[in-house]
Amino acid sequence: SDSGQKLYDIIYPCLLRGELVQLDFTGVLVFASPFVSIAFSQLLKNIRKEKLNKLIEFTYLNADGWNIIHEIMTNAKHYYTQSLKL
């Protein structure tokens, strides 16, 4: 989870400025849910999913990585949508 927080701390300010962020997953074979959750899900607190989709580019991300990121981002979107209603 520390690595996920480090990645978040690097990419979040860039995304807020509207900069394209390219993430290269060359050689990454295993994806830990805590890393992905911390690195990406909290981005949805202040950035709309549509904007994130335009600003983050994933390269060499295998199917397992896509599946984990998709699941975590879907759950995060639901969480933040419900939190706004409270």
Protein backbone atom coordinates (compact mmCIF):
# COMPACT_ATOMS: atom_id res chain seq x y z
CA SER A 1 0.00 0.00 0.00
CA ASP A 2 2.96 2.36 0.54
CA SER A 3 3.88 2.05 -3.15
CA GLY A 4 0.29 2.79 -4.13
CA GLN A 5 0.34 5.95 -2.02
CA LYS A 6 3.64 7.03 -3.58
CA LEU A 7 2.19 6.61 -7.07
CA TYR A 8 -0.96 8.51 -6.09
CA ASP A 9 1.13 11.35 -4.64
CA ILE A 10 3.00 11.66 -7.93
CA ILE A 11 0.11 11.44 -10.40
CA TYR A 12 -2.65 13.29 -8.53
CA PRO A 13 -1.19 16.82 -8.89
CA CYS A 14 -0.49 16.17 -12.58
CA LEU A 15 -4.07 15.07 -13.18
CA LEU A 16 -5.45 18.10 -11.35
CA ARG A 17 -3.45 20.28 -13.75
CA GLY A 18 -4.99 18.39 -16.68
CA GLU A 19 -1.73 16.72 -17.68
CA LEU A 20 -1.64 13.35 -19.42
CA VAL A 21 -0.16 10.63 -17.20
CA GLN A 22 1.33 7.58 -18.89
CA LEU A 23 1.82 4.49 -16.74
CA ASP A 24 3.99 1.72 -18.18
CA PHE A 25 3.42 -1.74 -16.71
CA THR A 26 6.13 -3.50 -18.71
CA GLY A 27 7.18 -6.62 -16.84
CA VAL A 28 4.46 -6.36 -14.18
CA LEU A 29 2.80 -9.75 -13.82
CA VAL A 30 1.10 -9.53 -10.42
CA PHE A 31 -1.29 -6.83 -9.23
CA ALA A 32 -2.04 -6.39 -5.54
CA SER A 33 -5.46 -4.97 -4.83
CA PRO A 34 -4.24 -2.69 -2.01
CA PHE A 35 -1.70 -1.07 -4.36
CA VAL A 36 -4.29 -0.49 -7.07
CA SER A 37 -6.92 0.68 -4.61
CA ILE A 38 -4.70 3.26 -2.95
CA ALA A 39 -3.06 4.41 -6.17
CA PHE A 40 -6.22 4.91 -8.20
CA SER A 41 -9.54 4.78 -6.33
CA GLN A 42 -8.98 7.92 -4.27
CA LEU A 43 -8.49 9.87 -7.51
CA LEU A 44 -12.26 9.76 -7.91
CA LYS A 45 -12.72 11.94 -4.82
CA ASN A 46 -12.00 15.07 -6.85
CA ILE A 47 -11.70 14.01 -10.49
CA ARG A 48 -14.58 12.73 -12.63
CA LYS A 49 -14.15 9.28 -14.13
CA GLU A 50 -14.57 10.64 -17.66
CA LYS A 51 -11.68 13.05 -17.12
CA LEU A 52 -9.50 10.31 -15.64
CA ASN A 53 -10.16 8.11 -18.66
CA LYS A 54 -8.82 10.88 -20.90
CA LEU A 55 -5.80 11.73 -18.77
CA ILE A 56 -4.43 8.33 -17.71
CA GLU A 57 -2.85 6.09 -20.31
CA PHE A 58 -1.93 2.54 -19.36
CA THR A 59 0.61 0.69 -21.49
CA TYR A 60 1.56 -2.97 -21.32
CA LEU A 61 -1.15 -3.66 -18.75
CA ASN A 62 -2.15 -7.32 -18.83
CA ALA A 63 -5.73 -8.62 -18.53
CA ASP A 64 -5.41 -9.25 -14.77
CA GLY A 65 -4.31 -5.66 -14.24
CA TRP A 66 -7.18 -4.29 -16.33
CA ASN A 67 -9.68 -6.42 -14.42
CA ILE A 68 -8.43 -5.33 -11.00
CA ILE A 69 -8.30 -1.65 -11.95
CA HIS A 70 -11.77 -1.80 -13.49
CA GLU A 71 -13.27 -3.52 -10.44
CA ILE A 72 -11.66 -1.17 -7.94
CA MET A 73 -12.58 1.96 -9.92
CA THR A 74 -16.18 0.76 -10.31
CA ASN A 75 -16.41 0.21 -6.55
CA ALA A 76 -14.78 3.58 -5.84
CA LYS A 77 -17.17 5.40 -8.17
CA HIS A 78 -20.11 3.77 -6.40
CA TYR A 79 -18.64 4.62 -2.98
CA TYR A 80 -18.05 8.29 -3.78
CA THR A 81 -21.45 8.60 -5.46
CA GLN A 82 -23.14 7.23 -2.34
CA SER A 83 -21.01 9.42 -0.04
CA LEU A 84 -22.15 12.55 -1.88
CA LYS A 85 -25.77 11.64 -1.20
CA LEU A 86 -25.27 11.55 2.57
